[in-house]
Structures are given as structure tokens and as C-alpha cells.
């Protein structure tokens, strides 16, 4: 927590550019009561976001209203407490859910998982889909049913993508809440998803929310990654290295 003089003009200007706790008001030698209460509220909101449950039925209703085929799945975590205490359970599907998936082959599968903020999913996930899916449809991308996963972590998309025979998995997931962002959405893109993939093999787009990365901007970045993944047949650090090499070559040979 950074404390600056409240009358400092530069500090006051800085508060217009960041939601971080800078230029906090003071009462004598202590931080002002309203600042302490604001901090406590933010902490409570972050805790609530972590423990909140995903309203799967409302998500499915919204997806069907958009005429999108969808599936409701569960991870191996039987409840929220198990999910938080045993992260590995959130990375695999329950036996019942795994049995529902039938390989059909497709370009991409979108997975919506609660992660550590169901609030982020309810506020932002469908807005991102509304931006990206029409673009993919116009480019003849084939998509699997949207999979909504309770108690899911990023790697659950590997099992789903592999079972469906998808070339790419895209996981929309609630990120770990911060003290200024309890509803931040993240997207993870993985080429050739399969159990055992690691985070170095994925690309991530984070902090998607009105106060962070806008929906249309996030969809634009996602479209770029999808096109590059399909063209180069890779994602993650390897894709970043290829992009850097291409950029370096273009800079050296204008």
C-alpha cells in the first residue's frame, strides 16, 4: 500500500490513471477511516468472489437464447471447498461429464469455467462470445458446443478439447480476484489440447472487464491468436518466439 501526501497535485492526478491505492487520505499520522473501510470492503468482495457459485442454469439459458449449442459439465471437485483445497480436482472432469463428450472434430471449443470468480463469468463471458463468435462464423471456423464447467480450472479445457477432437481450446475463466478487481475475466488459448499440457503452451489474455481490457479489444486479440495458432499449429511461448523472430526480421529488412 503506497501512501502519498493527499495534497500532492501529482498524486491526485495519478489517482485518475489507476485503481491502485495511492495518495490515500490521512487523519493525523494514520490512514483516514474511509480509506480503511474501503480496503476492508474490497477484501470482502474478493473473498465473496472466490466462494461464489456459478449459476449454470442462467448461463445455459443465455447461450440457448443465442441459439448456441451448449453442455453443462462438472470437474472432479464435488463442491467449492474441495475445489479450493485441491486444485488438481478442478483440472479434470468428473467421470459422468467425461462420458458425455463425443469426438466430432472441430476447429475450436469454447469452455466457460468459474475459476476463482464466478462473478467475472456472469458479467463478462457472454459479452466476449458475442464479439468473437460472429467473426469466426464469417471465417468458416467450426465450433463445438460451448462447455460450461462448474469448479473448473484452466487445464480442464485440455481434457474437453481432447475428447471433442478440437484443434484449439479457448477457456474463459474467472481470474483470481484482486483488491480492485473481483470480476476480472481471463482467456487461455491452447493448440492441440490434451491432458498434460502446461501453461507455457498456452497464450493468455487477462483483465477483461470494462475497467480493464474492453470486450471488443479482447475479441480482437483472441482472433489474432486463433488465426496464428491455426496457421502455425502452436501456441504459448513457442508462438511468442516465432512472432518475435518474424518482427525482428521485418525490422532488419524494411
C-alpha atoms as a PDB file:
ATOM      1  CA  UNK A   1       0.000   0.000   0.000  1.00  0.00           C
ATOM      2  CA  UNK A   2       1.568   3.286  -1.158  1.00  0.00           C
ATOM      3  CA  UNK A   3       0.784   6.369   0.937  1.00  0.00           C
ATOM      4  CA  UNK A   4       1.371   9.805  -0.575  1.00  0.00           C
ATOM      5  CA  UNK A   5       0.518  13.267   0.644  1.00  0.00           C
ATOM      6  CA  UNK A   6      -3.164  13.903  -0.115  1.00  0.00           C
ATOM      7  CA  UNK A   7      -2.492  17.495  -1.163  1.00  0.00           C
ATOM      8  CA  UNK A   8       0.209  16.492  -3.616  1.00  0.00           C
ATOM      9  CA  UNK A   9      -1.120  17.549  -7.055  1.00  0.00           C
ATOM     10  CA  UNK A  10       0.908  14.865  -8.862  1.00  0.00           C
ATOM     11  CA  UNK A  11      -0.514  12.208  -6.553  1.00  0.00           C
ATOM     12  CA  UNK A  12      -4.052  13.414  -7.112  1.00  0.00           C
ATOM     13  CA  UNK A  13      -3.508  13.272 -10.860  1.00  0.00           C
ATOM     14  CA  UNK A  14      -2.137   9.750 -10.534  1.00  0.00           C
ATOM     15  CA  UNK A  15      -5.383   8.505  -8.974  1.00  0.00           C
ATOM     16  CA  UNK A  16      -7.099   9.296 -12.250  1.00  0.00           C
ATOM     17  CA  UNK A  17      -4.934   6.719 -14.020  1.00  0.00           C
ATOM     18  CA  UNK A  18      -5.019   3.775 -11.614  1.00  0.00           C
ATOM     19  CA  UNK A  19      -7.325   1.972  -9.233  1.00  0.00           C
ATOM     20  CA  UNK A  20      -4.320   1.156  -7.015  1.00  0.00           C
ATOM     21  CA  UNK A  21      -4.376   2.634  -3.522  1.00  0.00           C
ATOM     22  CA  UNK A  22      -2.200   5.708  -3.954  1.00  0.00           C
ATOM     23  CA  UNK A  23      -2.499   9.198  -2.456  1.00  0.00           C
ATOM     24  CA  UNK A  24      -4.535   7.900   0.471  1.00  0.00           C
ATOM     25  CA  UNK A  25      -6.154  10.479   2.717  1.00  0.00           C
ATOM     26  CA  UNK A  26      -4.780  10.694   6.253  1.00  0.00           C
ATOM     27  CA  UNK A  27      -6.059  11.643   9.697  1.00  0.00           C
ATOM     28  CA  UNK A  28      -3.003  12.787  11.589  1.00  0.00           C
ATOM     29  CA  UNK A  29      -0.403  10.020  11.358  1.00  0.00           C
ATOM     30  CA  UNK A  30      -2.971   7.347  10.413  1.00  0.00           C
ATOM     31  CA  UNK A  31      -4.800   6.488   7.228  1.00  0.00           C
ATOM     32  CA  UNK A  32      -8.277   8.037   7.169  1.00  0.00           C
ATOM     33  CA  UNK A  33     -11.158   5.848   8.326  1.00  0.00           C
ATOM     34  CA  UNK A  34     -12.874   5.900   4.932  1.00  0.00           C
ATOM     35  CA  UNK A  35      -9.726   4.517   3.308  1.00  0.00           C
ATOM     36  CA  UNK A  36      -9.569   1.677   5.841  1.00  0.00           C
ATOM     37  CA  UNK A  37     -13.247   0.872   5.303  1.00  0.00           C
ATOM     38  CA  UNK A  38     -12.764   0.951   1.531  1.00  0.00           C
ATOM     39  CA  UNK A  39      -9.898  -1.538   1.859  1.00  0.00           C
ATOM     40  CA  UNK A  40     -11.988  -3.834   4.050  1.00  0.00           C
ATOM     41  CA  UNK A  41     -14.861  -3.707   1.560  1.00  0.00           C
ATOM     42  CA  UNK A  42     -12.551  -4.596  -1.336  1.00  0.00           C
ATOM     43  CA  UNK A  43     -11.144  -7.513   0.658  1.00  0.00           C
ATOM     44  CA  UNK A  44     -14.649  -8.777   1.427  1.00  0.00           C
ATOM     45  CA  UNK A  45     -15.658  -8.508  -2.237  1.00  0.00           C
ATOM     46  CA  UNK A  46     -12.612 -10.528  -3.286  1.00  0.00           C
ATOM     47  CA  UNK A  47     -13.417 -13.240  -0.742  1.00  0.00           C
ATOM     48  CA  UNK A  48     -17.044 -13.347  -1.850  1.00  0.00           C
ATOM     49  CA  UNK A  49     -15.959 -13.722  -5.483  1.00  0.00           C
ATOM     50  CA  UNK A  50     -13.742 -16.713  -4.643  1.00  0.00           C
ATOM     51  CA  UNK A  51     -16.511 -18.514  -2.757  1.00  0.00           C
ATOM     52  CA  UNK A  52     -19.402 -17.635  -5.077  1.00  0.00           C
ATOM     53  CA  UNK A  53     -21.021 -20.448  -7.057  1.00  0.00           C
ATOM     54  CA  UNK A  54     -21.692 -20.437 -10.772  1.00  0.00           C
ATOM     55  CA  UNK A  55     -25.327 -20.150 -11.876  1.00  0.00           C
ATOM     56  CA  UNK A  56     -25.083 -22.752 -14.605  1.00  0.00           C
ATOM     57  CA  UNK A  57     -28.783 -22.735 -15.491  1.00  0.00           C
ATOM     58  CA  UNK A  58     -28.822 -19.000 -16.235  1.00  0.00           C
ATOM     59  CA  UNK A  59     -25.706 -19.315 -18.392  1.00  0.00           C
ATOM     60  CA  UNK A  60     -27.200 -22.177 -20.369  1.00  0.00           C
ATOM     61  CA  UNK A  61     -30.426 -20.221 -20.845  1.00  0.00           C
ATOM     62  CA  UNK A  62     -28.474 -17.263 -22.224  1.00  0.00           C
ATOM     63  CA  UNK A  63     -26.475 -19.494 -24.562  1.00  0.00           C
ATOM     64  CA  UNK A  64     -29.635 -21.166 -25.870  1.00  0.00           C
ATOM     65  CA  UNK A  65     -31.251 -17.768 -26.343  1.00  0.00           C
ATOM     66  CA  UNK A  66     -28.322 -17.024 -28.646  1.00  0.00           C
ATOM     67  CA  UNK A  67     -29.045 -20.329 -30.426  1.00  0.00           C
ATOM     68  CA  UNK A  68     -25.687 -21.746 -29.343  1.00  0.00           C
ATOM     69  CA  UNK A  69     -25.449 -25.480 -28.589  1.00  0.00           C
ATOM     70  CA  UNK A  70     -24.064 -25.989 -25.092  1.00  0.00           C
ATOM     71  CA  UNK A  71     -23.184 -28.582 -22.477  1.00  0.00           C
ATOM     72  CA  UNK A  72     -23.176 -28.440 -18.679  1.00  0.00           C
ATOM     73  CA  UNK A  73     -20.162 -30.240 -17.216  1.00  0.00           C
ATOM     74  CA  UNK A  74     -18.520 -30.649 -13.815  1.00  0.00           C
ATOM     75  CA  UNK A  75     -14.942 -31.082 -12.731  1.00  0.00           C
ATOM     76  CA  UNK A  76     -13.804 -33.799 -10.341  1.00  0.00           C
ATOM     77  CA  UNK A  77     -14.238 -31.380  -7.413  1.00  0.00           C
ATOM     78  CA  UNK A  78     -17.506 -32.294  -5.682  1.00  0.00           C
ATOM     79  CA  UNK A  79     -18.010 -28.848  -4.124  1.00  0.00           C
ATOM     80  CA  UNK A  80     -16.425 -25.424  -3.727  1.00  0.00           C
ATOM     81  CA  UNK A  81     -14.473 -26.372  -0.609  1.00  0.00           C
ATOM     82  CA  UNK A  82     -12.866 -29.336  -2.381  1.00  0.00           C
ATOM     83  CA  UNK A  83     -12.131 -27.175  -5.390  1.00  0.00           C
ATOM     84  CA  UNK A  84     -10.284 -24.577  -3.330  1.00  0.00           C
ATOM     85  CA  UNK A  85      -8.369 -27.068  -1.206  1.00  0.00           C
ATOM     86  CA  UNK A  86      -7.383 -29.453  -4.013  1.00  0.00           C
ATOM     87  CA  UNK A  87      -6.567 -27.533  -7.234  1.00  0.00           C
ATOM     88  CA  UNK A  88      -5.871 -30.712  -9.224  1.00  0.00           C
ATOM     89  CA  UNK A  89      -9.528 -31.740  -8.961  1.00  0.00           C
ATOM     90  CA  UNK A  90     -10.546 -28.669 -10.919  1.00  0.00           C
ATOM     91  CA  UNK A  91      -8.243 -29.618 -13.791  1.00  0.00           C
ATOM     92  CA  UNK A  92     -10.025 -32.872 -14.636  1.00  0.00           C
ATOM     93  CA  UNK A  93     -13.606 -33.738 -15.492  1.00  0.00           C
ATOM     94  CA  UNK A  94     -15.855 -35.899 -13.380  1.00  0.00           C
ATOM     95  CA  UNK A  95     -16.445 -39.369 -14.820  1.00  0.00           C
ATOM     96  CA  UNK A  96     -20.034 -38.513 -15.638  1.00  0.00           C
ATOM     97  CA  UNK A  97     -19.078 -35.372 -17.553  1.00  0.00           C
ATOM     98  CA  UNK A  98     -16.231 -37.065 -19.407  1.00  0.00           C
ATOM     99  CA  UNK A  99     -18.686 -39.727 -20.586  1.00  0.00           C
ATOM    100  CA  UNK A 100     -20.905 -37.034 -22.164  1.00  0.00           C
ATOM    101  CA  UNK A 101     -18.233 -35.890 -24.622  1.00  0.00           C
ATOM    102  CA  UNK A 102     -18.108 -37.470 -28.065  1.00  0.00           C
ATOM    103  CA  UNK A 103     -15.342 -36.696 -30.550  1.00  0.00           C
ATOM    104  CA  UNK A 104     -16.647 -34.966 -33.657  1.00  0.00           C
ATOM    105  CA  UNK A 105     -13.673 -32.868 -34.719  1.00  0.00           C
ATOM    106  CA  UNK A 106     -13.838 -29.077 -34.882  1.00  0.00           C
ATOM    107  CA  UNK A 107     -11.565 -26.072 -35.139  1.00  0.00           C
ATOM    108  CA  UNK A 108     -12.249 -24.665 -31.688  1.00  0.00           C
ATOM    109  CA  UNK A 109     -14.146 -25.364 -28.484  1.00  0.00           C
ATOM    110  CA  UNK A 110     -15.086 -22.596 -26.065  1.00  0.00           C
ATOM    111  CA  UNK A 111     -15.069 -23.570 -22.401  1.00  0.00           C
ATOM    112  CA  UNK A 112     -16.604 -21.334 -19.731  1.00  0.00           C
ATOM    113  CA  UNK A 113     -15.261 -22.180 -16.256  1.00  0.00           C
ATOM    114  CA  UNK A 114     -15.939 -20.396 -12.980  1.00  0.00           C
ATOM    115  CA  UNK A 115     -12.295 -20.458 -11.866  1.00  0.00           C
ATOM    116  CA  UNK A 116     -11.789 -18.182  -8.883  1.00  0.00           C
ATOM    117  CA  UNK A 117     -14.506 -15.679  -9.763  1.00  0.00           C
ATOM    118  CA  UNK A 118     -17.943 -16.797 -10.892  1.00  0.00           C
ATOM    119  CA  UNK A 119     -18.800 -13.092 -10.810  1.00  0.00           C
ATOM    120  CA  UNK A 120     -16.419 -12.476 -13.712  1.00  0.00           C
ATOM    121  CA  UNK A 121     -18.121 -15.187 -15.755  1.00  0.00           C
ATOM    122  CA  UNK A 122     -21.618 -13.840 -15.182  1.00  0.00           C
ATOM    123  CA  UNK A 123     -20.593 -10.276 -16.008  1.00  0.00           C
ATOM    124  CA  UNK A 124     -18.262 -10.745 -18.957  1.00  0.00           C
ATOM    125  CA  UNK A 125     -18.055 -14.211 -20.561  1.00  0.00           C
ATOM    126  CA  UNK A 126     -21.100 -13.941 -22.796  1.00  0.00           C
ATOM    127  CA  UNK A 127     -20.130 -10.408 -23.842  1.00  0.00           C
ATOM    128  CA  UNK A 128     -16.832 -11.747 -25.161  1.00  0.00           C
ATOM    129  CA  UNK A 129     -18.583 -14.589 -27.004  1.00  0.00           C
ATOM    130  CA  UNK A 130     -20.963 -12.070 -28.569  1.00  0.00           C
ATOM    131  CA  UNK A 131     -17.932 -10.288 -30.016  1.00  0.00           C
ATOM    132  CA  UNK A 132     -15.835 -13.231 -31.212  1.00  0.00           C
ATOM    133  CA  UNK A 133     -18.314 -15.844 -32.467  1.00  0.00           C
ATOM    134  CA  UNK A 134     -19.763 -13.796 -35.365  1.00  0.00           C
ATOM    135  CA  UNK A 135     -16.221 -13.141 -36.579  1.00  0.00           C
ATOM    136  CA  UNK A 136     -15.354 -16.834 -36.518  1.00  0.00           C
ATOM    137  CA  UNK A 137     -18.610 -17.762 -38.232  1.00  0.00           C
ATOM    138  CA  UNK A 138     -17.859 -15.362 -41.056  1.00  0.00           C
ATOM    139  CA  UNK A 139     -14.461 -17.041 -41.497  1.00  0.00           C
ATOM    140  CA  UNK A 140     -15.898 -20.568 -41.590  1.00  0.00           C
ATOM    141  CA  UNK A 141     -14.474 -21.749 -38.280  1.00  0.00           C
ATOM    142  CA  UNK A 142     -16.186 -24.875 -36.981  1.00  0.00           C
ATOM    143  CA  UNK A 143     -17.054 -24.784 -33.285  1.00  0.00           C
ATOM    144  CA  UNK A 144     -18.062 -27.401 -30.736  1.00  0.00           C
ATOM    145  CA  UNK A 145     -20.899 -26.847 -28.254  1.00  0.00           C
ATOM    146  CA  UNK A 146     -19.957 -24.276 -25.623  1.00  0.00           C
ATOM    147  CA  UNK A 147     -18.989 -26.189 -22.476  1.00  0.00           C
ATOM    148  CA  UNK A 148     -19.928 -24.663 -19.103  1.00  0.00           C
ATOM    149  CA  UNK A 149     -17.882 -26.219 -16.306  1.00  0.00           C
ATOM    150  CA  UNK A 150     -18.551 -25.953 -12.584  1.00  0.00           C
ATOM    151  CA  UNK A 151     -15.486 -25.917 -10.313  1.00  0.00           C
ATOM    152  CA  UNK A 152     -13.180 -25.729 -13.313  1.00  0.00           C
ATOM    153  CA  UNK A 153      -9.594 -24.565 -13.720  1.00  0.00           C
ATOM    154  CA  UNK A 154      -7.715 -23.711 -16.913  1.00  0.00           C
ATOM    155  CA  UNK A 155      -6.451 -27.220 -17.635  1.00  0.00           C
ATOM    156  CA  UNK A 156      -9.969 -28.668 -17.727  1.00  0.00           C
ATOM    157  CA  UNK A 157     -10.083 -27.277 -21.258  1.00  0.00           C
ATOM    158  CA  UNK A 158      -7.359 -29.745 -22.252  1.00  0.00           C
ATOM    159  CA  UNK A 159      -9.494 -32.751 -21.361  1.00  0.00           C
ATOM    160  CA  UNK A 160     -12.541 -31.269 -23.068  1.00  0.00           C
ATOM    161  CA  UNK A 161     -10.698 -30.263 -26.230  1.00  0.00           C
ATOM    162  CA  UNK A 162      -9.025 -33.651 -26.493  1.00  0.00           C
ATOM    163  CA  UNK A 163     -12.271 -35.560 -26.002  1.00  0.00           C
ATOM    164  CA  UNK A 164     -14.060 -33.499 -28.633  1.00  0.00           C
ATOM    165  CA  UNK A 165     -11.175 -33.630 -31.101  1.00  0.00           C
ATOM    166  CA  UNK A 166     -10.838 -29.839 -31.179  1.00  0.00           C
ATOM    167  CA  UNK A 167      -7.760 -28.279 -32.737  1.00  0.00           C
ATOM    168  CA  UNK A 168      -7.849 -25.383 -30.246  1.00  0.00           C
ATOM    169  CA  UNK A 169      -9.415 -24.904 -26.841  1.00  0.00           C
ATOM    170  CA  UNK A 170     -10.379 -21.460 -25.567  1.00  0.00           C
ATOM    171  CA  UNK A 171     -11.062 -21.284 -21.832  1.00  0.00           C
ATOM    172  CA  UNK A 172     -12.906 -18.254 -20.474  1.00  0.00           C
ATOM    173  CA  UNK A 173     -12.334 -18.266 -16.729  1.00  0.00           C
ATOM    174  CA  UNK A 174     -12.726 -16.085 -13.661  1.00  0.00           C
ATOM    175  CA  UNK A 175      -9.306 -14.846 -12.563  1.00  0.00           C
ATOM    176  CA  UNK A 176      -8.024 -14.670  -9.010  1.00  0.00           C
ATOM    177  CA  UNK A 177      -9.686 -11.555  -7.543  1.00  0.00           C
ATOM    178  CA  UNK A 178      -7.581  -8.573  -6.611  1.00  0.00           C
ATOM    179  CA  UNK A 179      -8.406  -5.797  -4.183  1.00  0.00           C
ATOM    180  CA  UNK A 180      -9.560  -3.606  -7.048  1.00  0.00           C
ATOM    181  CA  UNK A 181     -10.832  -6.265  -9.462  1.00  0.00           C
ATOM    182  CA  UNK A 182     -13.066  -9.041  -8.072  1.00  0.00           C
ATOM    183  CA  UNK A 183     -14.570  -9.667 -11.531  1.00  0.00           C
ATOM    184  CA  UNK A 184     -11.616  -9.949 -13.900  1.00  0.00           C
ATOM    185  CA  UNK A 185     -12.032 -12.437 -16.770  1.00  0.00           C
ATOM    186  CA  UNK A 186      -9.137 -14.329 -18.371  1.00  0.00           C
ATOM    187  CA  UNK A 187      -8.892 -16.270 -21.639  1.00  0.00           C
ATOM    188  CA  UNK A 188      -6.462 -19.139 -22.265  1.00  0.00           C
ATOM    189  CA  UNK A 189      -5.803 -20.447 -25.789  1.00  0.00           C
ATOM    190  CA  UNK A 190      -4.221 -23.873 -26.323  1.00  0.00           C
ATOM    191  CA  UNK A 191      -3.321 -25.541 -29.616  1.00  0.00           C
ATOM    192  CA  UNK A 192      -3.927 -29.318 -29.775  1.00  0.00           C
ATOM    193  CA  UNK A 193      -5.344 -29.549 -26.240  1.00  0.00           C
ATOM    194  CA  UNK A 194      -4.586 -32.756 -24.356  1.00  0.00           C
ATOM    195  CA  UNK A 195      -4.079 -33.743 -20.719  1.00  0.00           C
ATOM    196  CA  UNK A 196      -0.541 -32.853 -19.654  1.00  0.00           C
ATOM    197  CA  UNK A 197      -0.292 -29.528 -21.455  1.00  0.00           C
ATOM    198  CA  UNK A 198       1.398 -26.865 -19.343  1.00  0.00           C
ATOM    199  CA  UNK A 199       0.937 -23.123 -19.083  1.00  0.00           C
ATOM    200  CA  UNK A 200       3.972 -22.432 -21.281  1.00  0.00           C
ATOM    201  CA  UNK A 201       1.968 -23.992 -24.125  1.00  0.00           C
ATOM    202  CA  UNK A 202      -0.889 -21.506 -23.797  1.00  0.00           C
ATOM    203  CA  UNK A 203      -1.457 -17.850 -24.558  1.00  0.00           C
ATOM    204  CA  UNK A 204      -3.355 -15.710 -22.085  1.00  0.00           C
ATOM    205  CA  UNK A 205      -5.497 -12.584 -22.368  1.00  0.00           C
ATOM    206  CA  UNK A 206      -6.266 -11.169 -18.934  1.00  0.00           C
ATOM    207  CA  UNK A 207      -8.098  -8.403 -17.061  1.00  0.00           C
ATOM    208  CA  UNK A 208     -11.100  -8.401 -19.381  1.00  0.00           C
ATOM    209  CA  UNK A 209     -13.758  -6.085 -17.902  1.00  0.00           C
ATOM    210  CA  UNK A 210     -14.993  -2.544 -18.555  1.00  0.00           C
ATOM    211  CA  UNK A 211     -12.309  -1.098 -16.262  1.00  0.00           C
ATOM    212  CA  UNK A 212      -9.595  -3.164 -17.937  1.00  0.00           C
ATOM    213  CA  UNK A 213      -9.461  -4.665 -21.447  1.00  0.00           C
ATOM    214  CA  UNK A 214     -12.688  -3.967 -23.329  1.00  0.00           C
ATOM    215  CA  UNK A 215     -14.713  -6.831 -24.819  1.00  0.00           C
ATOM    216  CA  UNK A 216     -14.127  -5.866 -28.443  1.00  0.00           C
ATOM    217  CA  UNK A 217     -10.414  -5.373 -27.851  1.00  0.00           C
ATOM    218  CA  UNK A 218     -10.200  -8.760 -26.118  1.00  0.00           C
ATOM    219  CA  UNK A 219     -12.023 -10.391 -29.027  1.00  0.00           C
ATOM    220  CA  UNK A 220      -9.566  -8.786 -31.432  1.00  0.00           C
ATOM    221  CA  UNK A 221      -6.575 -10.196 -29.552  1.00  0.00           C
ATOM    222  CA  UNK A 222      -8.281 -13.584 -29.322  1.00  0.00           C
ATOM    223  CA  UNK A 223      -8.968 -13.607 -33.067  1.00  0.00           C
ATOM    224  CA  UNK A 224      -5.293 -12.861 -33.703  1.00  0.00           C
ATOM    225  CA  UNK A 225      -4.153 -15.751 -31.505  1.00  0.00           C
ATOM    226  CA  UNK A 226      -6.642 -18.144 -33.081  1.00  0.00           C
ATOM    227  CA  UNK A 227      -5.569 -17.276 -36.607  1.00  0.00           C
ATOM    228  CA  UNK A 228      -1.869 -17.534 -35.730  1.00  0.00           C
ATOM    229  CA  UNK A 229      -2.390 -20.815 -33.844  1.00  0.00           C
ATOM    230  CA  UNK A 230      -4.174 -22.375 -36.793  1.00  0.00           C
ATOM    231  CA  UNK A 231      -1.593 -21.086 -39.262  1.00  0.00           C
ATOM    232  CA  UNK A 232       1.487 -22.077 -37.265  1.00  0.00           C
ATOM    233  CA  UNK A 233      -0.014 -25.035 -35.364  1.00  0.00           C
ATOM    234  CA  UNK A 234       1.241 -23.890 -31.960  1.00  0.00           C
ATOM    235  CA  UNK A 235       0.504 -21.597 -29.044  1.00  0.00           C
ATOM    236  CA  UNK A 236       2.266 -20.379 -25.907  1.00  0.00           C
ATOM    237  CA  UNK A 237       5.911 -19.426 -25.613  1.00  0.00           C
ATOM    238  CA  UNK A 238       6.700 -21.102 -28.935  1.00  0.00           C
ATOM    239  CA  UNK A 239       4.224 -18.843 -30.724  1.00  0.00           C
ATOM    240  CA  UNK A 240       5.659 -15.787 -28.982  1.00  0.00           C
ATOM    241  CA  UNK A 241       9.163 -16.741 -30.116  1.00  0.00           C
ATOM    242  CA  UNK A 242       8.048 -17.163 -33.713  1.00  0.00           C
ATOM    243  CA  UNK A 243       6.308 -13.801 -33.625  1.00  0.00           C
ATOM    244  CA  UNK A 244       9.416 -12.155 -32.173  1.00  0.00           C
ATOM    245  CA  UNK A 245      11.605 -13.711 -34.879  1.00  0.00           C
ATOM    246  CA  UNK A 246       9.257 -12.502 -37.614  1.00  0.00           C
ATOM    247  CA  UNK A 247       9.124  -8.999 -36.153  1.00  0.00           C
ATOM    248  CA  UNK A 248      12.905  -8.913 -35.824  1.00  0.00           C
ATOM    249  CA  UNK A 249      13.327  -9.981 -39.452  1.00  0.00           C
ATOM    250  CA  UNK A 250      10.862  -7.347 -40.668  1.00  0.00           C
ATOM    251  CA  UNK A 251      12.652  -4.665 -38.655  1.00  0.00           C
ATOM    252  CA  UNK A 252      16.051  -5.697 -40.019  1.00  0.00           C
ATOM    253  CA  UNK A 253      14.792  -5.759 -43.603  1.00  0.00           C
ATOM    254  CA  UNK A 254      12.395  -2.848 -44.006  1.00  0.00           C
END
